[in-house]
C-alpha atoms as a PDB file:
ATOM      1  CA  MET A   1    -130.749 -22.287 103.868  1.00  0.00           C
ATOM      2  CA  GLU A   2    -131.248 -26.084 103.218  1.00  0.00           C
ATOM      3  CA  THR A   3    -129.379 -25.760  99.942  1.00  0.00           C
ATOM      4  CA  ASN A   4    -126.422 -23.965 101.563  1.00  0.00           C
ATOM      5  CA  SER A   5    -126.318 -26.664 104.268  1.00  0.00           C
ATOM      6  CA  HIS A   6    -126.298 -29.317 101.747  1.00  0.00           C
ATOM      7  CA  ILE A   7    -123.401 -27.800  99.737  1.00  0.00           C
ATOM      8  CA  LEU A   8    -121.418 -27.353 102.921  1.00  0.00           C
ATOM      9  CA  ARG A   9    -121.879 -30.831 104.049  1.00  0.00           C
ATOM     10  CA  HIS A  10    -121.034 -32.122 100.610  1.00  0.00           C
ATOM     11  CA  ARG A  11    -117.898 -30.033 100.512  1.00  0.00           C
ATOM     12  CA  HIS A  12    -116.818 -30.989 104.057  1.00  0.00           C
ATOM     13  CA  GLY A  13    -117.011 -34.737 103.362  1.00  0.00           C
ATOM     14  CA  GLY A  14    -118.328 -37.373 105.672  1.00  0.00           C
ATOM     15  CA  ARG A  15    -119.971 -37.348 109.138  1.00  0.00           C
ATOM     16  CA  ILE A  16    -118.140 -36.272 112.208  1.00  0.00           C
ATOM     17  CA  SER A  17    -118.921 -38.164 115.403  1.00  0.00           C
ATOM     18  CA  VAL A  18    -118.508 -36.090 118.537  1.00  0.00           C
ATOM     19  CA  LEU A  19    -118.046 -38.321 121.536  1.00  0.00           C
ATOM     20  CA  GLY A  20    -119.300 -37.063 124.883  1.00  0.00           C
ATOM     21  CA  ALA A  21    -122.203 -34.947 125.951  1.00  0.00           C
ATOM     22  CA  GLY A  22    -120.478 -32.775 128.542  1.00  0.00           C
ATOM     23  CA  VAL A  23    -119.842 -29.075 127.848  1.00  0.00           C
ATOM     24  CA  ALA A  24    -116.847 -29.840 125.499  1.00  0.00           C
ATOM     25  CA  GLY A  25    -118.937 -32.259 123.426  1.00  0.00           C
ATOM     26  CA  LEU A  26    -121.951 -30.022 123.193  1.00  0.00           C
ATOM     27  CA  CYS A  27    -119.811 -27.033 122.230  1.00  0.00           C
ATOM     28  CA  ALA A  28    -117.941 -29.067 119.610  1.00  0.00           C
ATOM     29  CA  ALA A  29    -121.018 -30.395 117.990  1.00  0.00           C
ATOM     30  CA  THR A  30    -122.674 -26.850 118.084  1.00  0.00           C
ATOM     31  CA  ALA A  31    -119.595 -25.270 116.380  1.00  0.00           C
ATOM     32  CA  LEU A  32    -119.344 -27.994 113.714  1.00  0.00           C
ATOM     33  CA  ALA A  33    -123.078 -27.963 112.931  1.00  0.00           C
ATOM     34  CA  GLY A  34    -122.947 -24.146 112.731  1.00  0.00           C
ATOM     35  CA  ARG A  35    -120.489 -24.549 109.896  1.00  0.00           C
ATOM     36  CA  GLY A  36    -122.512 -26.957 107.955  1.00  0.00           C
ATOM     37  CA  PHE A  37    -120.762 -30.273 109.035  1.00  0.00           C
ATOM     38  CA  ASP A  38    -122.768 -33.432 109.132  1.00  0.00           C
ATOM     39  CA  VAL A  39    -122.586 -34.131 112.801  1.00  0.00           C
ATOM     40  CA  GLU A  40    -123.710 -36.698 115.396  1.00  0.00           C
ATOM     41  CA  LEU A  41    -123.405 -36.610 119.097  1.00  0.00           C
ATOM     42  CA  ILE A  42    -122.498 -39.881 120.787  1.00  0.00           C
ATOM     43  CA  ALA A  43    -123.753 -39.906 124.422  1.00  0.00           C
ATOM     44  CA  PRO A  44    -123.586 -43.467 125.773  1.00  0.00           C
ATOM     45  CA  GLU A  45    -126.225 -44.281 128.325  1.00  0.00           C
ATOM     46  CA  ASP A  46    -123.724 -46.100 130.566  1.00  0.00           C
ATOM     47  CA  ALA A  47    -121.415 -43.046 130.653  1.00  0.00           C
ATOM     48  CA  PRO A  48    -120.984 -41.342 134.032  1.00  0.00           C
ATOM     49  CA  PRO A  49    -122.631 -37.942 134.326  1.00  0.00           C
ATOM     50  CA  PRO A  50    -120.243 -35.188 132.928  1.00  0.00           C
ATOM     51  CA  ALA A  51    -118.441 -33.166 135.628  1.00  0.00           C
ATOM     52  CA  SER A  52    -119.608 -30.000 133.777  1.00  0.00           C
ATOM     53  CA  LEU A  53    -123.093 -30.496 135.451  1.00  0.00           C
ATOM     54  CA  LEU A  54    -121.472 -29.663 138.834  1.00  0.00           C
ATOM     55  CA  ALA A  55    -119.744 -26.516 137.480  1.00  0.00           C
ATOM     56  CA  GLY A  56    -120.254 -22.978 138.704  1.00  0.00           C
ATOM     57  CA  GLY A  57    -120.937 -21.684 135.245  1.00  0.00           C
ATOM     58  CA  MET A  58    -118.688 -18.642 135.867  1.00  0.00           C
ATOM     59  CA  LEU A  59    -117.506 -16.867 132.781  1.00  0.00           C
ATOM     60  CA  ALA A  60    -114.711 -15.111 134.541  1.00  0.00           C
ATOM     61  CA  PRO A  61    -111.503 -14.736 132.357  1.00  0.00           C
ATOM     62  CA  PHE A  62    -110.204 -11.849 134.188  1.00  0.00           C
ATOM     63  CA  CYS A  63    -110.479 -13.520 137.648  1.00  0.00           C
ATOM     64  CA  GLU A  64    -108.904 -16.596 136.324  1.00  0.00           C
ATOM     65  CA  GLY A  65    -105.755 -14.566 135.567  1.00  0.00           C
ATOM     66  CA  GLU A  66    -104.955 -14.780 139.324  1.00  0.00           C
ATOM     67  CA  SER A  67    -103.774 -18.338 138.889  1.00  0.00           C
ATOM     68  CA  ALA A  68    -104.135 -19.295 135.125  1.00  0.00           C
ATOM     69  CA  PRO A  69    -101.743 -18.251 132.372  1.00  0.00           C
ATOM     70  CA  PRO A  70    -102.479 -15.122 130.270  1.00  0.00           C
ATOM     71  CA  GLU A  71    -103.833 -17.197 127.366  1.00  0.00           C
ATOM     72  CA  ILE A  72    -106.804 -18.187 129.496  1.00  0.00           C
ATOM     73  CA  THR A  73    -107.689 -14.569 130.104  1.00  0.00           C
ATOM     74  CA  ARG A  74    -106.973 -13.449 126.594  1.00  0.00           C
ATOM     75  CA  ARG A  75    -108.810 -16.375 124.703  1.00  0.00           C
ATOM     76  CA  GLY A  76    -111.447 -16.966 127.290  1.00  0.00           C
ATOM     77  CA  GLN A  77    -113.140 -13.529 126.670  1.00  0.00           C
ATOM     78  CA  ALA A  78    -114.563 -15.002 123.496  1.00  0.00           C
ATOM     79  CA  ALA A  79    -116.770 -17.199 125.467  1.00  0.00           C
ATOM     80  CA  LEU A  80    -118.789 -14.313 126.860  1.00  0.00           C
ATOM     81  CA  GLY A  81    -120.495 -13.395 123.557  1.00  0.00           C
ATOM     82  CA  TRP A  82    -120.674 -17.237 122.596  1.00  0.00           C
ATOM     83  CA  TRP A  83    -122.886 -18.001 125.655  1.00  0.00           C
ATOM     84  CA  ARG A  84    -124.757 -14.755 125.614  1.00  0.00           C
ATOM     85  CA  ALA A  85    -126.042 -15.747 122.178  1.00  0.00           C
ATOM     86  CA  ARG A  86    -127.008 -19.369 123.230  1.00  0.00           C
ATOM     87  CA  THR A  87    -128.544 -19.394 126.748  1.00  0.00           C
ATOM     88  CA  ARG A  88    -131.325 -17.568 128.458  1.00  0.00           C
ATOM     89  CA  SER A  89    -129.517 -17.928 131.624  1.00  0.00           C
ATOM     90  CA  TYR A  90    -126.734 -15.656 130.689  1.00  0.00           C
ATOM     91  CA  SER A  91    -126.257 -12.992 133.583  1.00  0.00           C
ATOM     92  CA  ALA A  92    -123.897 -10.178 132.875  1.00  0.00           C
ATOM     93  CA  THR A  93    -123.742  -8.786 136.509  1.00  0.00           C
ATOM     94  CA  GLY A  94    -119.963  -9.140 136.739  1.00  0.00           C
ATOM     95  CA  THR A  95    -117.937 -10.629 139.538  1.00  0.00           C
ATOM     96  CA  LEU A  96    -117.317  -9.177 142.936  1.00  0.00           C
ATOM     97  CA  VAL A  97    -114.231 -10.367 144.738  1.00  0.00           C
ATOM     98  CA  ILE A  98    -114.068  -9.852 148.501  1.00  0.00           C
ATOM     99  CA  ALA A  99    -112.015 -10.761 151.540  1.00  0.00           C
ATOM    100  CA  PRO A 100    -112.495 -10.450 155.346  1.00  0.00           C
ATOM    101  CA  PRO A 101    -110.353  -7.671 156.931  1.00  0.00           C
ATOM    102  CA  ARG A 102    -107.788 -10.275 158.322  1.00  0.00           C
ATOM    103  CA  ASP A 103    -107.277 -11.654 154.711  1.00  0.00           C
ATOM    104  CA  ARG A 104    -106.722  -8.218 153.153  1.00  0.00           C
ATOM    105  CA  ALA A 105    -103.287  -9.402 151.909  1.00  0.00           C
ATOM    106  CA  GLU A 106    -105.232 -12.028 149.740  1.00  0.00           C
ATOM    107  CA  LEU A 107    -107.215  -9.305 148.119  1.00  0.00           C
ATOM    108  CA  GLU A 108    -104.080  -7.191 147.383  1.00  0.00           C
ATOM    109  CA  HIS A 109    -102.512 -10.156 145.744  1.00  0.00           C
ATOM    110  CA  PHE A 110    -105.515 -10.863 143.699  1.00  0.00           C
ATOM    111  CA  ALA A 111    -105.556  -7.191 142.583  1.00  0.00           C
ATOM    112  CA  ARG A 112    -101.948  -7.279 141.485  1.00  0.00           C
ATOM    113  CA  ALA A 113    -102.359 -10.564 139.555  1.00  0.00           C
ATOM    114  CA  THR A 114    -105.460  -9.632 137.592  1.00  0.00           C
ATOM    115  CA  GLN A 115    -106.716  -6.913 135.179  1.00  0.00           C
ATOM    116  CA  GLY A 116    -110.146  -5.598 134.333  1.00  0.00           C
ATOM    117  CA  HIS A 117    -111.373  -4.617 137.753  1.00  0.00           C
ATOM    118  CA  VAL A 118    -112.051  -1.516 139.722  1.00  0.00           C
ATOM    119  CA  ARG A 119    -111.953  -1.071 143.587  1.00  0.00           C
ATOM    120  CA  THR A 120    -115.319  -0.529 145.155  1.00  0.00           C
ATOM    121  CA  ASP A 121    -117.354  -0.624 148.170  1.00  0.00           C
ATOM    122  CA  PRO A 122    -118.992  -3.999 148.145  1.00  0.00           C
ATOM    123  CA  ALA A 123    -122.187  -2.605 149.753  1.00  0.00           C
ATOM    124  CA  ALA A 124    -122.618  -0.353 146.831  1.00  0.00           C
ATOM    125  CA  LEU A 125    -123.148  -3.305 144.559  1.00  0.00           C
ATOM    126  CA  GLU A 126    -124.705  -5.766 147.091  1.00  0.00           C
ATOM    127  CA  PRO A 127    -126.417  -3.800 149.879  1.00  0.00           C
ATOM    128  CA  GLU A 128    -126.726  -6.881 152.024  1.00  0.00           C
ATOM    129  CA  LEU A 129    -122.808  -6.867 152.492  1.00  0.00           C
ATOM    130  CA  ALA A 130    -123.035  -3.598 154.283  1.00  0.00           C
ATOM    131  CA  GLY A 131    -120.683  -3.489 157.249  1.00  0.00           C
ATOM    132  CA  ARG A 132    -118.972  -6.776 156.494  1.00  0.00           C
ATOM    133  CA  PHE A 133    -116.310  -5.939 153.823  1.00  0.00           C
ATOM    134  CA  ALA A 134    -114.573  -2.610 153.641  1.00  0.00           C
ATOM    135  CA  THR A 135    -113.355  -2.903 149.919  1.00  0.00           C
ATOM    136  CA  GLY A 136    -113.579  -5.267 147.011  1.00  0.00           C
ATOM    137  CA  LEU A 137    -112.692  -5.826 143.319  1.00  0.00           C
ATOM    138  CA  PHE A 138    -115.434  -5.642 140.665  1.00  0.00           C
ATOM    139  CA  PHE A 139    -114.839  -7.304 137.414  1.00  0.00           C
ATOM    140  CA  ALA A 140    -117.769  -5.654 135.415  1.00  0.00           C
ATOM    141  CA  GLU A 141    -117.268  -7.497 132.105  1.00  0.00           C
ATOM    142  CA  GLU A 142    -117.679 -10.985 133.657  1.00  0.00           C
ATOM    143  CA  ALA A 143    -120.835 -13.054 133.697  1.00  0.00           C
ATOM    144  CA  HIS A 144    -122.276 -16.410 134.761  1.00  0.00           C
ATOM    145  CA  ILE A 145    -124.647 -18.934 133.462  1.00  0.00           C
ATOM    146  CA  ASP A 146    -126.654 -21.885 134.711  1.00  0.00           C
ATOM    147  CA  PRO A 147    -124.657 -24.962 133.492  1.00  0.00           C
ATOM    148  CA  ARG A 148    -127.570 -27.429 133.361  1.00  0.00           C
ATOM    149  CA  LEU A 149    -129.834 -24.991 131.731  1.00  0.00           C
ATOM    150  CA  ALA A 150    -127.094 -23.924 129.164  1.00  0.00           C
ATOM    151  CA  MET A 151    -126.296 -27.548 128.283  1.00  0.00           C
ATOM    152  CA  ASP A 152    -129.955 -28.432 127.966  1.00  0.00           C
ATOM    153  CA  GLU A 153    -130.363 -25.549 125.459  1.00  0.00           C
ATOM    154  CA  LEU A 154    -127.372 -26.599 123.498  1.00  0.00           C
ATOM    155  CA  ARG A 155    -128.761 -30.039 123.188  1.00  0.00           C
ATOM    156  CA  ALA A 156    -132.185 -28.829 122.275  1.00  0.00           C
ATOM    157  CA  ALA A 157    -130.666 -26.477 119.574  1.00  0.00           C
ATOM    158  CA  LEU A 158    -128.733 -29.439 118.097  1.00  0.00           C
ATOM    159  CA  GLU A 159    -131.919 -31.694 118.038  1.00  0.00           C
ATOM    160  CA  ALA A 160    -133.703 -28.777 116.218  1.00  0.00           C
ATOM    161  CA  ARG A 161    -131.041 -28.710 113.615  1.00  0.00           C
ATOM    162  CA  GLY A 162    -131.477 -32.406 113.068  1.00  0.00           C
ATOM    163  CA  VAL A 163    -128.202 -33.579 114.661  1.00  0.00           C
ATOM    164  CA  PRO A 164    -128.584 -37.219 115.715  1.00  0.00           C
ATOM    165  CA  ILE A 165    -127.929 -37.781 119.468  1.00  0.00           C
ATOM    166  CA  HIS A 166    -127.585 -41.436 120.380  1.00  0.00           C
ATOM    167  CA  GLY A 167    -125.625 -43.913 122.394  1.00  0.00           C
ATOM    168  CA  GLY A 168    -123.352 -45.238 119.624  1.00  0.00           C
ATOM    169  CA  PRO A 169    -121.504 -46.568 117.888  1.00  0.00           C
ATOM    170  CA  ALA A 170    -119.681 -43.679 116.000  1.00  0.00           C
ATOM    171  CA  SER A 171    -120.109 -43.772 112.176  1.00  0.00           C
ATOM    172  CA  GLY A 172    -117.704 -41.039 111.156  1.00  0.00           C
ATOM    173  CA  ARG A 173    -114.267 -39.516 111.953  1.00  0.00           C
ATOM    174  CA  ILE A 174    -114.147 -38.771 115.701  1.00  0.00           C
ATOM    175  CA  VAL A 175    -113.881 -35.679 117.794  1.00  0.00           C
ATOM    176  CA  ASP A 176    -113.320 -37.010 121.168  1.00  0.00           C
ATOM    177  CA  CYS A 177    -114.695 -34.895 124.108  1.00  0.00           C
ATOM    178  CA  ARG A 178    -115.090 -37.633 126.736  1.00  0.00           C
ATOM    179  CA  GLY A 179    -113.006 -36.022 129.496  1.00  0.00           C
ATOM    180  CA  LEU A 180    -111.357 -38.610 131.703  1.00  0.00           C
ATOM    181  CA  GLY A 181    -112.856 -41.271 129.605  1.00  0.00           C
ATOM    182  CA  ALA A 182    -110.284 -40.561 126.952  1.00  0.00           C
ATOM    183  CA  ARG A 183    -107.384 -41.599 129.079  1.00  0.00           C
ATOM    184  CA  ASP A 184    -106.976 -44.558 126.937  1.00  0.00           C
ATOM    185  CA  HIS A 185    -105.830 -42.134 124.242  1.00  0.00           C
ATOM    186  CA  LEU A 186    -104.398 -39.350 126.483  1.00  0.00           C
ATOM    187  CA  PRO A 187    -102.273 -41.044 129.209  1.00  0.00           C
ATOM    188  CA  ASP A 188    -101.199 -37.757 130.713  1.00  0.00           C
ATOM    189  CA  LEU A 189    -104.763 -36.763 131.661  1.00  0.00           C
ATOM    190  CA  ARG A 190    -105.340 -36.571 135.406  1.00  0.00           C
ATOM    191  CA  ALA A 191    -108.368 -36.158 137.653  1.00  0.00           C
ATOM    192  CA  VAL A 192    -108.876 -33.071 139.726  1.00  0.00           C
ATOM    193  CA  ARG A 193    -111.713 -33.327 142.146  1.00  0.00           C
ATOM    194  CA  GLY A 194    -114.167 -30.551 142.645  1.00  0.00           C
ATOM    195  CA  GLU A 195    -117.014 -30.475 145.254  1.00  0.00           C
ATOM    196  CA  MET A 196    -120.110 -28.179 145.494  1.00  0.00           C
ATOM    197  CA  LEU A 197    -123.262 -27.411 147.495  1.00  0.00           C
ATOM    198  CA  GLU A 198    -126.486 -25.915 146.234  1.00  0.00           C
ATOM    199  CA  LEU A 199    -128.420 -23.893 148.838  1.00  0.00           C
ATOM    200  CA  HIS A 200    -131.880 -22.456 148.954  1.00  0.00           C
ATOM    201  CA  ALA A 201    -131.635 -19.135 150.963  1.00  0.00           C
ATOM    202  CA  PRO A 202    -134.689 -17.003 150.068  1.00  0.00           C
ATOM    203  CA  GLY A 203    -133.718 -14.574 152.822  1.00  0.00           C
ATOM    204  CA  VAL A 204    -130.377 -13.784 151.136  1.00  0.00           C
ATOM    205  CA  LYS A 205    -130.575 -11.288 148.276  1.00  0.00           C
ATOM    206  CA  LEU A 206    -127.430 -11.377 146.241  1.00  0.00           C
ATOM    207  CA  THR A 207    -127.296 -10.757 142.499  1.00  0.00           C
ATOM    208  CA  ARG A 208    -123.823 -11.506 141.134  1.00  0.00           C
ATOM    209  CA  THR A 209    -121.067 -13.978 141.487  1.00  0.00           C
ATOM    210  CA  LEU A 210    -119.027 -13.470 144.723  1.00  0.00           C
ATOM    211  CA  ARG A 211    -115.496 -14.731 145.204  1.00  0.00           C
ATOM    212  CA  LEU A 212    -114.449 -14.947 148.853  1.00  0.00           C
ATOM    213  CA  LEU A 213    -110.558 -15.010 149.350  1.00  0.00           C
ATOM    214  CA  HIS A 214    -109.024 -17.010 151.918  1.00  0.00           C
ATOM    215  CA  PRO A 215    -105.514 -18.489 152.345  1.00  0.00           C
ATOM    216  CA  ARG A 216    -106.820 -21.988 152.652  1.00  0.00           C
ATOM    217  CA  PHE A 217    -110.228 -22.405 151.145  1.00  0.00           C
ATOM    218  CA  PRO A 218    -111.294 -19.611 148.761  1.00  0.00           C
ATOM    219  CA  CYS A 219    -114.749 -20.121 147.480  1.00  0.00           C
ATOM    220  CA  TYR A 220    -117.327 -18.618 145.095  1.00  0.00           C
ATOM    221  CA  ILE A 221    -121.051 -18.135 145.450  1.00  0.00           C
ATOM    222  CA  VAL A 222    -123.106 -18.038 142.309  1.00  0.00           C
ATOM    223  CA  PRO A 223    -126.865 -16.939 142.262  1.00  0.00           C
ATOM    224  CA  ARG A 224    -129.051 -19.104 140.342  1.00  0.00           C
ATOM    225  CA  GLY A 225    -132.380 -17.264 140.783  1.00  0.00           C
ATOM    226  CA  GLN A 226    -135.406 -17.944 143.003  1.00  0.00           C
ATOM    227  CA  GLY A 227    -133.136 -17.864 146.159  1.00  0.00           C
ATOM    228  CA  ARG A 228    -130.895 -20.753 144.894  1.00  0.00           C
ATOM    229  CA  TYR A 229    -127.050 -20.326 145.247  1.00  0.00           C
ATOM    230  CA  MET A 230    -124.216 -22.629 144.212  1.00  0.00           C
ATOM    231  CA  LEU A 231    -121.147 -22.821 146.472  1.00  0.00           C
ATOM    232  CA  GLY A 232    -117.952 -24.253 145.145  1.00  0.00           C
ATOM    233  CA  ALA A 233    -114.236 -23.966 144.502  1.00  0.00           C
ATOM    234  CA  THR A 234    -112.657 -26.942 146.053  1.00  0.00           C
ATOM    235  CA  MET A 235    -109.863 -28.122 143.864  1.00  0.00           C
ATOM    236  CA  VAL A 236    -108.340 -31.422 145.158  1.00  0.00           C
ATOM    237  CA  GLU A 237    -105.602 -33.292 143.445  1.00  0.00           C
ATOM    238  CA  SER A 238    -107.411 -36.616 143.777  1.00  0.00           C
ATOM    239  CA  ALA A 239    -109.033 -39.190 141.555  1.00  0.00           C
ATOM    240  CA  ARG A 240    -111.368 -40.510 144.468  1.00  0.00           C
ATOM    241  CA  PRO A 241    -114.918 -40.879 143.359  1.00  0.00           C
ATOM    242  CA  GLY A 242    -117.798 -40.458 145.638  1.00  0.00           C
ATOM    243  CA  GLY A 243    -119.783 -37.733 147.311  1.00  0.00           C
ATOM    244  CA  ILE A 244    -118.647 -34.501 148.904  1.00  0.00           C
ATOM    245  CA  THR A 245    -116.408 -34.746 151.965  1.00  0.00           C
ATOM    246  CA  ALA A 246    -117.488 -33.538 155.465  1.00  0.00           C
ATOM    247  CA  ARG A 247    -114.410 -31.148 155.367  1.00  0.00           C
ATOM    248  CA  ALA A 248    -115.404 -29.546 152.108  1.00  0.00           C
ATOM    249  CA  ALA A 249    -119.049 -29.165 153.053  1.00  0.00           C
ATOM    250  CA  MET A 250    -118.031 -27.500 156.414  1.00  0.00           C
ATOM    251  CA  GLU A 251    -115.567 -25.187 154.743  1.00  0.00           C
ATOM    252  CA  LEU A 252    -117.948 -24.084 152.006  1.00  0.00           C
ATOM    253  CA  LEU A 253    -120.750 -23.559 154.554  1.00  0.00           C
ATOM    254  CA  SER A 254    -118.362 -21.615 156.821  1.00  0.00           C
ATOM    255  CA  ALA A 255    -117.289 -19.378 153.817  1.00  0.00           C
ATOM    256  CA  ALA A 256    -120.943 -18.683 152.918  1.00  0.00           C
ATOM    257  CA  TYR A 257    -121.649 -17.784 156.458  1.00  0.00           C
ATOM    258  CA  THR A 258    -118.871 -15.483 156.440  1.00  0.00           C
ATOM    259  CA  VAL A 259    -120.223 -13.726 153.229  1.00  0.00           C
ATOM    260  CA  HIS A 260    -123.672 -13.479 154.797  1.00  0.00           C
ATOM    261  CA  PRO A 261    -125.102 -14.882 158.023  1.00  0.00           C
ATOM    262  CA  GLY A 262    -128.467 -15.517 156.330  1.00  0.00           C
ATOM    263  CA  PHE A 263    -126.892 -18.616 154.776  1.00  0.00           C
ATOM    264  CA  ALA A 264    -126.918 -20.291 158.253  1.00  0.00           C
ATOM    265  CA  GLU A 265    -130.774 -20.737 157.682  1.00  0.00           C
ATOM    266  CA  ALA A 266    -130.354 -22.046 154.089  1.00  0.00           C
ATOM    267  CA  GLU A 267    -131.793 -25.415 153.061  1.00  0.00           C
ATOM    268  CA  ILE A 268    -129.178 -27.627 151.412  1.00  0.00           C
ATOM    269  CA  LEU A 269    -130.762 -28.719 148.127  1.00  0.00           C
ATOM    270  CA  ALA A 270    -127.943 -30.800 146.719  1.00  0.00           C
ATOM    271  CA  THR A 271    -124.362 -31.668 147.251  1.00  0.00           C
ATOM    272  CA  GLY A 272    -121.948 -32.991 144.472  1.00  0.00           C
ATOM    273  CA  ALA A 273    -118.527 -33.997 143.692  1.00  0.00           C
ATOM    274  CA  GLY A 274    -116.959 -34.657 140.293  1.00  0.00           C
ATOM    275  CA  LEU A 275    -113.705 -35.412 138.619  1.00  0.00           C
ATOM    276  CA  ARG A 276    -112.440 -32.824 136.142  1.00  0.00           C
ATOM    277  CA  PRO A 277    -109.844 -33.786 133.302  1.00  0.00           C
ATOM    278  CA  ALA A 278    -106.654 -31.786 133.331  1.00  0.00           C
ATOM    279  CA  PHE A 279    -103.314 -31.887 131.493  1.00  0.00           C
ATOM    280  CA  PRO A 280    -100.131 -31.362 133.299  1.00  0.00           C
ATOM    281  CA  ASP A 281    -100.021 -27.647 132.534  1.00  0.00           C
ATOM    282  CA  ASN A 282    -103.861 -27.151 133.417  1.00  0.00           C
ATOM    283  CA  ILE A 283    -104.421 -25.575 129.973  1.00  0.00           C
ATOM    284  CA  PRO A 284    -107.370 -26.994 127.889  1.00  0.00           C
ATOM    285  CA  ALA A 285    -106.237 -28.043 124.506  1.00  0.00           C
ATOM    286  CA  ILE A 286    -106.980 -29.627 121.008  1.00  0.00           C
ATOM    287  CA  ARG A 287    -104.859 -32.745 120.487  1.00  0.00           C
ATOM    288  CA  GLU A 288    -104.546 -35.265 117.755  1.00  0.00           C
ATOM    289  CA  THR A 289    -103.923 -39.034 118.399  1.00  0.00           C
ATOM    290  CA  GLY A 290    -103.901 -41.031 115.191  1.00  0.00           C
ATOM    291  CA  ASP A 291    -107.167 -40.150 113.300  1.00  0.00           C
ATOM    292  CA  ARG A 292    -108.876 -38.770 116.401  1.00  0.00           C
ATOM    293  CA  ILE A 293    -109.328 -35.052 117.487  1.00  0.00           C
ATOM    294  CA  HIS A 294    -109.425 -34.403 121.180  1.00  0.00           C
ATOM    295  CA  LEU A 295    -110.949 -31.395 122.946  1.00  0.00           C
ATOM    296  CA  ASN A 296    -109.954 -32.071 126.557  1.00  0.00           C
ATOM    297  CA  GLY A 297    -108.147 -31.132 129.754  1.00  0.00           C
ATOM    298  CA  MET A 298    -110.781 -28.488 130.648  1.00  0.00           C
ATOM    299  CA  TYR A 299    -109.624 -28.347 134.256  1.00  0.00           C
ATOM    300  CA  ARG A 300    -111.619 -25.645 135.907  1.00  0.00           C
ATOM    301  CA  HIS A 301    -112.103 -23.778 132.632  1.00  0.00           C
ATOM    302  CA  GLY A 302    -114.817 -25.793 130.935  1.00  0.00           C
ATOM    303  CA  PHE A 303    -117.475 -23.220 130.258  1.00  0.00           C
ATOM    304  CA  LEU A 304    -114.820 -20.652 129.576  1.00  0.00           C
ATOM    305  CA  MET A 305    -112.672 -22.569 127.062  1.00  0.00           C
ATOM    306  CA  ALA A 306    -114.908 -25.314 125.571  1.00  0.00           C
ATOM    307  CA  PRO A 307    -116.546 -22.779 123.171  1.00  0.00           C
ATOM    308  CA  VAL A 308    -113.267 -21.270 122.212  1.00  0.00           C
ATOM    309  CA  LEU A 309    -111.575 -24.505 121.325  1.00  0.00           C
ATOM    310  CA  ALA A 310    -114.695 -25.798 119.675  1.00  0.00           C
ATOM    311  CA  GLU A 311    -114.927 -22.784 117.329  1.00  0.00           C
ATOM    312  CA  GLU A 312    -111.234 -22.960 116.700  1.00  0.00           C
ATOM    313  CA  GLN A 313    -111.322 -26.572 115.605  1.00  0.00           C
ATOM    314  CA  ALA A 314    -114.430 -26.181 113.538  1.00  0.00           C
ATOM    315  CA  ALA A 315    -112.961 -23.160 111.687  1.00  0.00           C
ATOM    316  CA  ARG A 316    -109.826 -25.065 110.972  1.00  0.00           C
ATOM    317  CA  LEU A 317    -111.671 -28.049 109.634  1.00  0.00           C
ATOM    318  CA  ALA A 318    -113.871 -25.782 107.532  1.00  0.00           C
ATOM    319  CA  ALA A 319    -110.776 -24.102 106.052  1.00  0.00           C
ATOM    320  CA  ASP A 320    -109.156 -27.500 105.319  1.00  0.00           C
ATOM    321  CA  PRO A 321    -111.633 -30.335 105.310  1.00  0.00           C
ATOM    322  CA  THR A 322    -109.090 -32.761 103.980  1.00  0.00           C
ATOM    323  CA  LYS A 323    -107.325 -32.639 107.314  1.00  0.00           C
ATOM    324  CA  GLU A 324    -108.315 -35.318 109.726  1.00  0.00           C
ATOM    325  CA  ALA A 325    -107.040 -33.213 112.820  1.00  0.00           C
ATOM    326  CA  HIS A 326    -105.029 -30.201 113.781  1.00  0.00           C
ATOM    327  CA  HIS A 327    -102.823 -29.414 116.699  1.00  0.00           C
ATOM    328  CA  ALA A 328    -103.609 -26.300 118.841  1.00  0.00           C
ATOM    329  CA  HIS A 329    -100.959 -23.687 119.120  1.00  0.00           C
END
């Protein structure tokens, strides 16, 4: 194996420096190292925490079809197997989409806009929802992961491969995965604010991702094990830094209470707010600026699309290592 790796690294040429240790950077470094490239991961100590640490970790390509273009659903399905092979937190329990009776129209719209679901009695999948929701949509092929654990596992696997991880400077050609930090090269990047809560509710027994539909504040609830749940889904067109707003916290808690009254007794373990990078069309992409390759614009699709773009770019460089960068189709 060492001989093969040496041959590949020699064939591929010099070192590649991946900038950024969020989900995009970790996926890019993983994909490149997996093809034998000589890689280093640059994670400056003074860089802000990546927004991906606050993600829900949902691998929901079919649900995303409600608002995202078809290519997200089509291409994002590849992320399911990618993460299944790389994190112990992978949970293939599917996604259950529900709505209160007064918001039945929201559920019907969601059903028309998406594929890959069956109608079901929510209580048949989650008994504690009995009597609260008459019908739901079940996306059996979807999954979720714990973002922090998954990112830690990718980093540990890179270290086990001997990939240097340090604060810089870069020493090779650059794959830039810095998110909003790359606006000096990608001026059309914008910030989209997301806010979340993490609760400890040992009296609530839910096993899969739930999406609660609502005209104003749809939300998702993701089980993290040991009675912990992540609540999220606020998408605000704002670059304002800082913690979660009172409005967002109240709306998320109200939504959780609608799903299960047991959340009223939950302990709030953490709150968070982060700025996601997005291109004007909200589609994650590979771009080239000068001699630099960018994997960016993850919007709300980071854990779904970062592995897909990372593998695509690594495959292209492996097929034609003389090319400095490639455009995505």
